[in-house]
Amino acid sequence: MSHQVDEELWTEFHRVVNMTSRELGDWLRTRSADEHAEALPDQAGSETGQHVHQILGKRKVDVTEDDERIMRKVVDKVHAERRDDLEPVAGQANWRHRLMTLGHDPLKPAE
């Protein structure tokens, strides 16, 4: 028996995660690199950021219950830190970078 992801969650997740899979992957690798070492591409970034990156590469029918849990976490986190309209807004760099690790760039225009 396959798991069916909540349609509203799927839509909202893809609205708040406004970075493409490539943008998020690049960001996670950049964020993990330092002057002495660079993480392997599939180990770059936080566990949640890696999970979001994996979800972006999935079809809706392939989403698991664990994926759905992460999707809810990301949606809740972005809503807690942003206005509902998700209009571009500047803020502290560490705030923006923290949201980008979840796949949301607060400077990117809403679609």
PDB file of N, CA and C in Angstrom:
ATOM      1  N   MET A   1       0.845  -1.182   0.000  1.00  0.00           N
ATOM      2  CA  MET A   1       0.000   0.000   0.000  1.00  0.00           C
ATOM      3  C   MET A   1       0.886   1.240   0.000  1.00  0.00           C
ATOM      4  N   SER A   2       0.662   2.122  -0.942  1.00  0.00           N
ATOM      5  CA  SER A   2       1.497   3.316  -1.036  1.00  0.00           C
ATOM      6  C   SER A   2       0.918   4.451  -0.192  1.00  0.00           C
ATOM      7  N   HIS A   3       1.798   5.358   0.163  1.00  0.00           N
ATOM      8  CA  HIS A   3       1.429   6.526   0.973  1.00  0.00           C
ATOM      9  C   HIS A   3       1.013   7.654   0.042  1.00  0.00           C
ATOM     10  N   GLN A   4      -0.077   8.330   0.369  1.00  0.00           N
ATOM     11  CA  GLN A   4      -0.518   9.474  -0.424  1.00  0.00           C
ATOM     12  C   GLN A   4      -0.259  10.757   0.352  1.00  0.00           C
ATOM     13  N   VAL A   5       0.542  11.638  -0.234  1.00  0.00           N
ATOM     14  CA  VAL A   5       0.864  12.907   0.423  1.00  0.00           C
ATOM     15  C   VAL A   5      -0.342  13.842   0.347  1.00  0.00           C
ATOM     16  N   ASP A   6      -0.529  14.625   1.396  1.00  0.00           N
ATOM     17  CA  ASP A   6      -1.598  15.605   1.457  1.00  0.00           C
ATOM     18  C   ASP A   6      -1.395  16.635   0.345  1.00  0.00           C
ATOM     19  N   GLU A   7      -2.418  16.843  -0.474  1.00  0.00           N
ATOM     20  CA  GLU A   7      -2.341  17.740  -1.633  1.00  0.00           C
ATOM     21  C   GLU A   7      -2.023  19.184  -1.226  1.00  0.00           C
ATOM     22  N   GLU A   8      -2.662  19.669  -0.144  1.00  0.00           N
ATOM     23  CA  GLU A   8      -2.400  21.039   0.318  1.00  0.00           C
ATOM     24  C   GLU A   8      -0.952  21.185   0.786  1.00  0.00           C
ATOM     25  N   LEU A   9      -0.450  20.167   1.481  1.00  0.00           N
ATOM     26  CA  LEU A   9       0.936  20.207   1.941  1.00  0.00           C
ATOM     27  C   LEU A   9       1.886  20.217   0.755  1.00  0.00           C
ATOM     28  N   TRP A  10       1.646  19.376  -0.232  1.00  0.00           N
ATOM     29  CA  TRP A  10       2.486  19.305  -1.428  1.00  0.00           C
ATOM     30  C   TRP A  10       2.559  20.687  -2.096  1.00  0.00           C
ATOM     31  N   THR A  11       1.408  21.316  -2.262  1.00  0.00           N
ATOM     32  CA  THR A  11       1.343  22.626  -2.918  1.00  0.00           C
ATOM     33  C   THR A  11       2.058  23.698  -2.091  1.00  0.00           C
ATOM     34  N   GLU A  12       1.788  23.720  -0.788  1.00  0.00           N
ATOM     35  CA  GLU A  12       2.399  24.736   0.068  1.00  0.00           C
ATOM     36  C   GLU A  12       3.905  24.535   0.196  1.00  0.00           C
ATOM     37  N   PHE A  13       4.343  23.298   0.291  1.00  0.00           N
ATOM     38  CA  PHE A  13       5.780  23.003   0.352  1.00  0.00           C
ATOM     39  C   PHE A  13       6.471  23.570  -0.881  1.00  0.00           C
ATOM     40  N   HIS A  14       5.895  23.337  -2.053  1.00  0.00           N
ATOM     41  CA  HIS A  14       6.520  23.824  -3.283  1.00  0.00           C
ATOM     42  C   HIS A  14       6.357  25.331  -3.462  1.00  0.00           C
ATOM     43  N   ARG A  15       5.468  25.950  -2.717  1.00  0.00           N
ATOM     44  CA  ARG A  15       5.358  27.417  -2.725  1.00  0.00           C
ATOM     45  C   ARG A  15       6.431  28.024  -1.830  1.00  0.00           C
ATOM     46  N   VAL A  16       6.629  27.464  -0.621  1.00  0.00           N
ATOM     47  CA  VAL A  16       7.605  28.052   0.301  1.00  0.00           C
ATOM     48  C   VAL A  16       9.033  27.660  -0.044  1.00  0.00           C
ATOM     49  N   VAL A  17       9.234  26.481  -0.608  1.00  0.00           N
ATOM     50  CA  VAL A  17      10.567  26.084  -1.062  1.00  0.00           C
ATOM     51  C   VAL A  17      10.712  26.661  -2.469  1.00  0.00           C
ATOM     52  N   ASN A  18      11.249  27.871  -2.520  1.00  0.00           N
ATOM     53  CA  ASN A  18      11.298  28.601  -3.788  1.00  0.00           C
ATOM     54  C   ASN A  18      12.648  28.486  -4.499  1.00  0.00           C
ATOM     55  N   MET A  19      13.542  27.684  -3.947  1.00  0.00           N
ATOM     56  CA  MET A  19      14.821  27.433  -4.613  1.00  0.00           C
ATOM     57  C   MET A  19      14.697  26.138  -5.420  1.00  0.00           C
ATOM     58  N   THR A  20      15.341  26.107  -6.568  1.00  0.00           N
ATOM     59  CA  THR A  20      15.344  24.881  -7.355  1.00  0.00           C
ATOM     60  C   THR A  20      16.257  23.856  -6.685  1.00  0.00           C
ATOM     61  N   SER A  21      16.144  22.637  -7.126  1.00  0.00           N
ATOM     62  CA  SER A  21      16.998  21.577  -6.603  1.00  0.00           C
ATOM     63  C   SER A  21      18.475  21.933  -6.808  1.00  0.00           C
ATOM     64  N   ARG A  22      18.795  22.459  -7.968  1.00  0.00           N
ATOM     65  CA  ARG A  22      20.184  22.847  -8.262  1.00  0.00           C
ATOM     66  C   ARG A  22      20.650  23.986  -7.355  1.00  0.00           C
ATOM     67  N   GLU A  23      19.802  25.013  -7.184  1.00  0.00           N
ATOM     68  CA  GLU A  23      20.156  26.142  -6.316  1.00  0.00           C
ATOM     69  C   GLU A  23      20.388  25.669  -4.885  1.00  0.00           C
ATOM     70  N   LEU A  24      19.497  24.809  -4.389  1.00  0.00           N
ATOM     71  CA  LEU A  24      19.635  24.314  -3.023  1.00  0.00           C
ATOM     72  C   LEU A  24      20.883  23.454  -2.881  1.00  0.00           C
ATOM     73  N   GLY A  25      21.129  22.570  -3.838  1.00  0.00           N
ATOM     74  CA  GLY A  25      22.336  21.731  -3.792  1.00  0.00           C
ATOM     75  C   GLY A  25      23.601  22.571  -3.791  1.00  0.00           C
ATOM     76  N   ASP A  26      23.635  23.583  -4.655  1.00  0.00           N
ATOM     77  CA  ASP A  26      24.797  24.489  -4.703  1.00  0.00           C
ATOM     78  C   ASP A  26      24.962  25.220  -3.377  1.00  0.00           C
ATOM     79  N   TRP A  27      23.842  25.692  -2.813  1.00  0.00           N
ATOM     80  CA  TRP A  27      23.905  26.420  -1.551  1.00  0.00           C
ATOM     81  C   TRP A  27      24.406  25.515  -0.429  1.00  0.00           C
ATOM     82  N   LEU A  28      23.897  24.296  -0.338  1.00  0.00           N
ATOM     83  CA  LEU A  28      24.314  23.377   0.725  1.00  0.00           C
ATOM     84  C   LEU A  28      25.813  23.076   0.628  1.00  0.00           C
ATOM     85  N   ARG A  29      26.303  22.902  -0.599  1.00  0.00           N
ATOM     86  CA  ARG A  29      27.746  22.651  -0.778  1.00  0.00           C
ATOM     87  C   ARG A  29      28.567  23.878  -0.404  1.00  0.00           C
ATOM     88  N   THR A  30      28.111  25.060  -0.798  1.00  0.00           N
ATOM     89  CA  THR A  30      28.814  26.301  -0.466  1.00  0.00           C
ATOM     90  C   THR A  30      28.822  26.522   1.032  1.00  0.00           C
ATOM     91  N   ARG A  31      27.682  26.315   1.662  1.00  0.00           N
ATOM     92  CA  ARG A  31      27.537  26.544   3.101  1.00  0.00           C
ATOM     93  C   ARG A  31      28.417  25.587   3.905  1.00  0.00           C
ATOM     94  N   SER A  32      28.644  24.374   3.387  1.00  0.00           N
ATOM     95  CA  SER A  32      29.422  23.368   4.113  1.00  0.00           C
ATOM     96  C   SER A  32      30.924  23.508   3.907  1.00  0.00           C
ATOM     97  N   ALA A  33      31.314  24.241   2.880  1.00  0.00           N
ATOM     98  CA  ALA A  33      32.740  24.377   2.580  1.00  0.00           C
ATOM     99  C   ALA A  33      33.373  25.395   3.525  1.00  0.00           C
ATOM    100  N   ASP A  34      34.598  25.103   3.928  1.00  0.00           N
ATOM    101  CA  ASP A  34      35.363  26.085   4.684  1.00  0.00           C
ATOM    102  C   ASP A  34      36.781  26.101   4.131  1.00  0.00           C
ATOM    103  N   GLU A  35      37.650  26.847   4.758  1.00  0.00           N
ATOM    104  CA  GLU A  35      38.996  27.011   4.211  1.00  0.00           C
ATOM    105  C   GLU A  35      39.825  25.731   4.243  1.00  0.00           C
ATOM    106  N   HIS A  36      39.432  24.759   5.073  1.00  0.00           N
ATOM    107  CA  HIS A  36      40.233  23.553   5.228  1.00  0.00           C
ATOM    108  C   HIS A  36      39.630  22.314   4.578  1.00  0.00           C
ATOM    109  N   ALA A  37      38.344  22.309   4.382  1.00  0.00           N
ATOM    110  CA  ALA A  37      37.711  21.098   3.856  1.00  0.00           C
ATOM    111  C   ALA A  37      36.389  21.432   3.183  1.00  0.00           C
ATOM    112  N   GLU A  38      35.945  20.498   2.380  1.00  0.00           N
ATOM    113  CA  GLU A  38      34.654  20.622   1.724  1.00  0.00           C
ATOM    114  C   GLU A  38      33.960  19.280   1.840  1.00  0.00           C
ATOM    115  N   ALA A  39      32.705  19.286   2.277  1.00  0.00           N
ATOM    116  CA  ALA A  39      31.954  18.038   2.444  1.00  0.00           C
ATOM    117  C   ALA A  39      31.710  17.382   1.091  1.00  0.00           C
ATOM    118  N   LEU A  40      31.564  16.072   1.111  1.00  0.00           N
ATOM    119  CA  LEU A  40      31.159  15.376  -0.107  1.00  0.00           C
ATOM    120  C   LEU A  40      29.797  15.914  -0.520  1.00  0.00           C
ATOM    121  N   PRO A  41      29.539  16.040  -1.834  1.00  0.00           N
ATOM    122  CA  PRO A  41      28.286  16.661  -2.280  1.00  0.00           C
ATOM    123  C   PRO A  41      27.030  16.062  -1.649  1.00  0.00           C
ATOM    124  N   ASP A  42      26.987  14.748  -1.477  1.00  0.00           N
ATOM    125  CA  ASP A  42      25.787  14.132  -0.914  1.00  0.00           C
ATOM    126  C   ASP A  42      25.736  14.211   0.610  1.00  0.00           C
ATOM    127  N   GLN A  43      26.760  14.814   1.224  1.00  0.00           N
ATOM    128  CA  GLN A  43      26.780  14.992   2.679  1.00  0.00           C
ATOM    129  C   GLN A  43      26.795  16.458   3.072  1.00  0.00           C
ATOM    130  N   ALA A  44      26.682  17.343   2.097  1.00  0.00           N
ATOM    131  CA  ALA A  44      26.761  18.778   2.357  1.00  0.00           C
ATOM    132  C   ALA A  44      25.463  19.293   2.962  1.00  0.00           C
ATOM    133  N   GLY A  45      25.598  20.196   3.909  1.00  0.00           N
ATOM    134  CA  GLY A  45      24.441  20.844   4.501  1.00  0.00           C
ATOM    135  C   GLY A  45      23.863  20.074   5.671  1.00  0.00           C
ATOM    136  N   SER A  46      22.810  20.645   6.239  1.00  0.00           N
ATOM    137  CA  SER A  46      22.136  20.021   7.381  1.00  0.00           C
ATOM    138  C   SER A  46      21.350  18.797   6.914  1.00  0.00           C
ATOM    139  N   GLU A  47      20.987  17.966   7.863  1.00  0.00           N
ATOM    140  CA  GLU A  47      20.189  16.782   7.541  1.00  0.00           C
ATOM    141  C   GLU A  47      18.845  17.191   6.921  1.00  0.00           C
ATOM    142  N   THR A  48      18.234  18.235   7.486  1.00  0.00           N
ATOM    143  CA  THR A  48      16.953  18.704   6.940  1.00  0.00           C
ATOM    144  C   THR A  48      17.144  19.260   5.533  1.00  0.00           C
ATOM    145  N   GLY A  49      18.200  20.050   5.335  1.00  0.00           N
ATOM    146  CA  GLY A  49      18.475  20.595   4.002  1.00  0.00           C
ATOM    147  C   GLY A  49      18.692  19.498   2.972  1.00  0.00           C
ATOM    148  N   GLN A  50      19.411  18.450   3.352  1.00  0.00           N
ATOM    149  CA  GLN A  50      19.627  17.313   2.457  1.00  0.00           C
ATOM    150  C   GLN A  50      18.302  16.633   2.128  1.00  0.00           C
ATOM    151  N   HIS A  51      17.448  16.487   3.139  1.00  0.00           N
ATOM    152  CA  HIS A  51      16.162  15.838   2.942  1.00  0.00           C
ATOM    153  C   HIS A  51      15.278  16.663   2.002  1.00  0.00           C
ATOM    154  N   VAL A  52      15.253  17.987   2.185  1.00  0.00           N
ATOM    155  CA  VAL A  52      14.490  18.865   1.294  1.00  0.00           C
ATOM    156  C   VAL A  52      15.009  18.707  -0.133  1.00  0.00           C
ATOM    157  N   HIS A  53      16.309  18.684  -0.293  1.00  0.00           N
ATOM    158  CA  HIS A  53      16.920  18.516  -1.612  1.00  0.00           C
ATOM    159  C   HIS A  53      16.460  17.212  -2.258  1.00  0.00           C
ATOM    160  N   GLN A  54      16.399  16.140  -1.488  1.00  0.00           N
ATOM    161  CA  GLN A  54      15.936  14.852  -2.004  1.00  0.00           C
ATOM    162  C   GLN A  54      14.454  14.907  -2.389  1.00  0.00           C
ATOM    163  N   ILE A  55      13.640  15.556  -1.558  1.00  0.00           N
ATOM    164  CA  ILE A  55      12.204  15.663  -1.847  1.00  0.00           C
ATOM    165  C   ILE A  55      11.972  16.410  -3.148  1.00  0.00           C
ATOM    166  N   LEU A  56      12.759  17.446  -3.404  1.00  0.00           N
ATOM    167  CA  LEU A  56      12.599  18.220  -4.641  1.00  0.00           C
ATOM    168  C   LEU A  56      12.794  17.358  -5.885  1.00  0.00           C
ATOM    169  N   GLY A  57      13.539  16.272  -5.750  1.00  0.00           N
ATOM    170  CA  GLY A  57      13.769  15.381  -6.883  1.00  0.00           C
ATOM    171  C   GLY A  57      12.743  14.271  -7.012  1.00  0.00           C
ATOM    172  N   LYS A  58      11.726  14.288  -6.156  1.00  0.00           N
ATOM    173  CA  LYS A  58      10.733  13.209  -6.157  1.00  0.00           C
ATOM    174  C   LYS A  58       9.428  13.632  -6.822  1.00  0.00           C
ATOM    175  N   ARG A  59       8.749  12.625  -7.344  1.00  0.00           N
ATOM    176  CA  ARG A  59       7.373  12.829  -7.804  1.00  0.00           C
ATOM    177  C   ARG A  59       6.464  12.697  -6.585  1.00  0.00           C
ATOM    178  N   LYS A  60       5.290  13.281  -6.671  1.00  0.00           N
ATOM    179  CA  LYS A  60       4.355  13.247  -5.545  1.00  0.00           C
ATOM    180  C   LYS A  60       4.060  11.808  -5.105  1.00  0.00           C
ATOM    181  N   VAL A  61       3.937  10.896  -6.036  1.00  0.00           N
ATOM    182  CA  VAL A  61       3.608   9.504  -5.691  1.00  0.00           C
ATOM    183  C   VAL A  61       4.747   8.782  -4.987  1.00  0.00           C
ATOM    184  N   ASP A  62       5.946   9.353  -5.016  1.00  0.00           N
ATOM    185  CA  ASP A  62       7.112   8.724  -4.389  1.00  0.00           C
ATOM    186  C   ASP A  62       7.421   9.265  -2.995  1.00  0.00           C
ATOM    187  N   VAL A  63       6.643  10.245  -2.530  1.00  0.00           N
ATOM    188  CA  VAL A  63       6.881  10.858  -1.226  1.00  0.00           C
ATOM    189  C   VAL A  63       6.486   9.880  -0.119  1.00  0.00           C
ATOM    190  N   THR A  64       7.373   9.744   0.876  1.00  0.00           N
ATOM    191  CA  THR A  64       7.129   8.848   2.000  1.00  0.00           C
ATOM    192  C   THR A  64       6.533   9.620   3.184  1.00  0.00           C
ATOM    193  N   GLU A  65       6.134   8.881   4.211  1.00  0.00           N
ATOM    194  CA  GLU A  65       5.630   9.535   5.427  1.00  0.00           C
ATOM    195  C   GLU A  65       6.731  10.385   6.066  1.00  0.00           C
ATOM    196  N   ASP A  66       7.970   9.918   6.033  1.00  0.00           N
ATOM    197  CA  ASP A  66       9.083  10.693   6.577  1.00  0.00           C
ATOM    198  C   ASP A  66       9.292  11.983   5.778  1.00  0.00           C
ATOM    199  N   ASP A  67       9.175  11.890   4.447  1.00  0.00           N
ATOM    200  CA  ASP A  67       9.266  13.090   3.605  1.00  0.00           C
ATOM    201  C   ASP A  67       8.171  14.081   3.985  1.00  0.00           C
ATOM    202  N   GLU A  68       6.965  13.561   4.197  1.00  0.00           N
ATOM    203  CA  GLU A  68       5.838  14.423   4.545  1.00  0.00           C
ATOM    204  C   GLU A  68       6.086  15.123   5.887  1.00  0.00           C
ATOM    205  N   ARG A  69       6.697  14.432   6.824  1.00  0.00           N
ATOM    206  CA  ARG A  69       7.031  15.029   8.123  1.00  0.00           C
ATOM    207  C   ARG A  69       7.999  16.210   7.922  1.00  0.00           C
ATOM    208  N   ILE A  70       9.017  16.016   7.093  1.00  0.00           N
ATOM    209  CA  ILE A  70       9.982  17.088   6.805  1.00  0.00           C
ATOM    210  C   ILE A  70       9.294  18.235   6.071  1.00  0.00           C
ATOM    211  N   MET A  71       8.414  17.913   5.143  1.00  0.00           N
ATOM    212  CA  MET A  71       7.699  18.954   4.408  1.00  0.00           C
ATOM    213  C   MET A  71       6.893  19.833   5.367  1.00  0.00           C
ATOM    214  N   ARG A  72       6.197  19.215   6.318  1.00  0.00           N
ATOM    215  CA  ARG A  72       5.425  19.984   7.315  1.00  0.00           C
ATOM    216  C   ARG A  72       6.357  20.856   8.162  1.00  0.00           C
ATOM    217  N   LYS A  73       7.487  20.287   8.564  1.00  0.00           N
ATOM    218  CA  LYS A  73       8.461  21.020   9.382  1.00  0.00           C
ATOM    219  C   LYS A  73       8.954  22.263   8.638  1.00  0.00           C
ATOM    220  N   VAL A  74       9.281  22.106   7.367  1.00  0.00           N
ATOM    221  CA  VAL A  74       9.801  23.216   6.565  1.00  0.00           C
ATOM    222  C   VAL A  74       8.725  24.285   6.365  1.00  0.00           C
ATOM    223  N   VAL A  75       7.521  23.863   6.017  1.00  0.00           N
ATOM    224  CA  VAL A  75       6.417  24.815   5.824  1.00  0.00           C
ATOM    225  C   VAL A  75       6.171  25.595   7.112  1.00  0.00           C
ATOM    226  N   ASP A  76       6.101  24.893   8.241  1.00  0.00           N
ATOM    227  CA  ASP A  76       5.868  25.564   9.527  1.00  0.00           C
ATOM    228  C   ASP A  76       6.989  26.540   9.862  1.00  0.00           C
ATOM    229  N   LYS A  77       8.223  26.136   9.631  1.00  0.00           N
ATOM    230  CA  LYS A  77       9.383  26.979   9.947  1.00  0.00           C
ATOM    231  C   LYS A  77       9.393  28.246   9.089  1.00  0.00           C
ATOM    232  N   VAL A  78       9.160  28.088   7.791  1.00  0.00           N
ATOM    233  CA  VAL A  78       9.163  29.253   6.899  1.00  0.00           C
ATOM    234  C   VAL A  78       8.018  30.194   7.273  1.00  0.00           C
ATOM    235  N   HIS A  79       6.830  29.650   7.546  1.00  0.00           N
ATOM    236  CA  HIS A  79       5.703  30.504   7.936  1.00  0.00           C
ATOM    237  C   HIS A  79       5.969  31.216   9.257  1.00  0.00           C
ATOM    238  N   ALA A  80       6.666  30.574  10.168  1.00  0.00           N
ATOM    239  CA  ALA A  80       6.975  31.192  11.456  1.00  0.00           C
ATOM    240  C   ALA A  80       7.926  32.380  11.303  1.00  0.00           C
ATOM    241  N   GLU A  81       8.740  32.353  10.253  1.00  0.00           N
ATOM    242  CA  GLU A  81       9.756  33.395  10.075  1.00  0.00           C
ATOM    243  C   GLU A  81       9.439  34.392   8.958  1.00  0.00           C
ATOM    244  N   ARG A  82       8.381  34.133   8.207  1.00  0.00           N
ATOM    245  CA  ARG A  82       8.037  34.990   7.061  1.00  0.00           C
ATOM    246  C   ARG A  82       6.583  35.412   7.115  1.00  0.00           C
ATOM    247  N   ARG A  83       6.245  36.453   6.382  1.00  0.00           N
ATOM    248  CA  ARG A  83       4.838  36.826   6.180  1.00  0.00           C
ATOM    249  C   ARG A  83       4.208  35.793   5.247  1.00  0.00           C
ATOM    250  N   ASP A  84       2.908  35.693   5.270  1.00  0.00           N
ATOM    251  CA  ASP A  84       2.221  34.698   4.439  1.00  0.00           C
ATOM    252  C   ASP A  84       2.357  34.955   2.941  1.00  0.00           C
ATOM    253  N   ASP A  85       2.521  36.226   2.544  1.00  0.00           N
ATOM    254  CA  ASP A  85       2.582  36.520   1.111  1.00  0.00           C
ATOM    255  C   ASP A  85       3.941  36.163   0.491  1.00  0.00           C
ATOM    256  N   LEU A  86       4.943  35.918   1.326  1.00  0.00           N
ATOM    257  CA  LEU A  86       6.288  35.532   0.894  1.00  0.00           C
ATOM    258  C   LEU A  86       6.909  36.529  -0.084  1.00  0.00           C
ATOM    259  N   GLU A  87       6.503  37.787   0.014  1.00  0.00           N
ATOM    260  CA  GLU A  87       7.111  38.817  -0.817  1.00  0.00           C
ATOM    261  C   GLU A  87       8.589  38.953  -0.452  1.00  0.00           C
ATOM    262  N   PRO A  88       9.440  39.284  -1.431  1.00  0.00           N
ATOM    263  CA  PRO A  88      10.873  39.415  -1.147  1.00  0.00           C
ATOM    264  C   PRO A  88      11.129  40.440  -0.040  1.00  0.00           C
ATOM    265  N   VAL A  89      12.013  40.083   0.876  1.00  0.00           N
ATOM    266  CA  VAL A  89      12.345  40.980   1.971  1.00  0.00           C
ATOM    267  C   VAL A  89      13.793  40.729   2.385  1.00  0.00           C
ATOM    268  N   ALA A  90      14.485  41.833   2.645  1.00  0.00           N
ATOM    269  CA  ALA A  90      15.867  41.712   3.118  1.00  0.00           C
ATOM    270  C   ALA A  90      15.854  41.551   4.634  1.00  0.00           C
ATOM    271  N   GLY A  91      16.845  40.912   5.135  1.00  0.00           N
ATOM    272  CA  GLY A  91      16.973  40.737   6.570  1.00  0.00           C
ATOM    273  C   GLY A  91      18.425  40.454   6.903  1.00  0.00           C
ATOM    274  N   GLN A  92      18.670  40.057   8.130  1.00  0.00           N
ATOM    275  CA  GLN A  92      20.028  39.694   8.531  1.00  0.00           C
ATOM    276  C   GLN A  92      20.534  38.535   7.675  1.00  0.00           C
ATOM    277  N   ALA A  93      21.816  38.550   7.343  1.00  0.00           N
ATOM    278  CA  ALA A  93      22.397  37.492   6.506  1.00  0.00           C
ATOM    279  C   ALA A  93      22.213  36.113   7.128  1.00  0.00           C
ATOM    280  N   ASN A  94      22.414  35.998   8.454  1.00  0.00           N
ATOM    281  CA  ASN A  94      22.287  34.680   9.071  1.00  0.00           C
ATOM    282  C   ASN A  94      20.837  34.171   9.005  1.00  0.00           C
ATOM    283  N   TRP A  95      19.859  35.068   9.078  1.00  0.00           N
ATOM    284  CA  TRP A  95      18.444  34.707   8.939  1.00  0.00           C
ATOM    285  C   TRP A  95      18.178  34.177   7.534  1.00  0.00           C
ATOM    286  N   ARG A  96      18.656  34.910   6.526  1.00  0.00           N
ATOM    287  CA  ARG A  96      18.474  34.482   5.134  1.00  0.00           C
ATOM    288  C   ARG A  96      19.157  33.141   4.902  1.00  0.00           C
ATOM    289  N   HIS A  97      20.374  32.996   5.363  1.00  0.00           N
ATOM    290  CA  HIS A  97      21.128  31.758   5.153  1.00  0.00           C
ATOM    291  C   HIS A  97      20.461  30.573   5.832  1.00  0.00           C
ATOM    292  N   ARG A  98      19.902  30.787   7.015  1.00  0.00           N
ATOM    293  CA  ARG A  98      19.198  29.709   7.723  1.00  0.00           C
ATOM    294  C   ARG A  98      17.981  29.254   6.911  1.00  0.00           C
ATOM    295  N   LEU A  99      17.218  30.207   6.360  1.00  0.00           N
ATOM    296  CA  LEU A  99      16.060  29.858   5.542  1.00  0.00           C
ATOM    297  C   LEU A  99      16.482  29.194   4.232  1.00  0.00           C
ATOM    298  N   MET A 100      17.586  29.657   3.658  1.00  0.00           N
ATOM    299  CA  MET A 100      18.065  29.062   2.408  1.00  0.00           C
ATOM    300  C   MET A 100      18.468  27.602   2.615  1.00  0.00           C
ATOM    301  N   THR A 101      18.924  27.261   3.801  1.00  0.00           N
ATOM    302  CA  THR A 101      19.272  25.875   4.102  1.00  0.00           C
ATOM    303  C   THR A 101      18.032  24.980   4.048  1.00  0.00           C
ATOM    304  N   LEU A 102      16.849  25.586   4.196  1.00  0.00           N
ATOM    305  CA  LEU A 102      15.585  24.847   4.080  1.00  0.00           C
ATOM    306  C   LEU A 102      15.000  24.930   2.669  1.00  0.00           C
ATOM    307  N   GLY A 103      15.688  25.648   1.778  1.00  0.00           N
ATOM    308  CA  GLY A 103      15.205  25.771   0.407  1.00  0.00           C
ATOM    309  C   GLY A 103      14.384  27.020   0.138  1.00  0.00           C
ATOM    310  N   HIS A 104      14.356  27.954   1.094  1.00  0.00           N
ATOM    311  CA  HIS A 104      13.594  29.189   0.913  1.00  0.00           C
ATOM    312  C   HIS A 104      14.544  30.394   0.907  1.00  0.00           C
ATOM    313  N   ASP A 105      14.567  31.102  -0.208  1.00  0.00           N
ATOM    314  CA  ASP A 105      15.354  32.332  -0.300  1.00  0.00           C
ATOM    315  C   ASP A 105      14.425  33.512  -0.139  1.00  0.00           C
ATOM    316  N   PRO A 106      14.511  34.234   0.990  1.00  0.00           N
ATOM    317  CA  PRO A 106      13.587  35.347   1.221  1.00  0.00           C
ATOM    318  C   PRO A 106      13.754  36.532   0.270  1.00  0.00           C
ATOM    319  N   LEU A 107      14.821  36.552  -0.512  1.00  0.00           N
ATOM    320  CA  LEU A 107      15.001  37.632  -1.492  1.00  0.00           C
ATOM    321  C   LEU A 107      14.433  37.284  -2.857  1.00  0.00           C
ATOM    322  N   LYS A 108      14.029  36.042  -3.040  1.00  0.00           N
ATOM    323  CA  LYS A 108      13.517  35.598  -4.335  1.00  0.00           C
ATOM    324  C   LYS A 108      12.029  35.973  -4.450  1.00  0.00           C
ATOM    325  N   PRO A 109      11.639  36.568  -5.564  1.00  0.00           N
ATOM    326  CA  PRO A 109      10.226  36.955  -5.738  1.00  0.00           C
ATOM    327  C   PRO A 109       9.296  35.742  -5.693  1.00  0.00           C
ATOM    328  N   ALA A 110       8.107  35.938  -5.110  1.00  0.00           N
ATOM    329  CA  ALA A 110       7.087  34.887  -5.086  1.00  0.00           C
ATOM    330  C   ALA A 110       6.574  34.678  -6.507  1.00  0.00           C
ATOM    331  N   GLU A 111       6.202  33.449  -6.795  1.00  0.00           N
ATOM    332  CA  GLU A 111       5.697  33.172  -8.154  1.00  0.00           C
ATOM    333  C   GLU A 111       4.207  33.255  -8.214  1.00  0.00           C
TER     334      GLU A 111
END
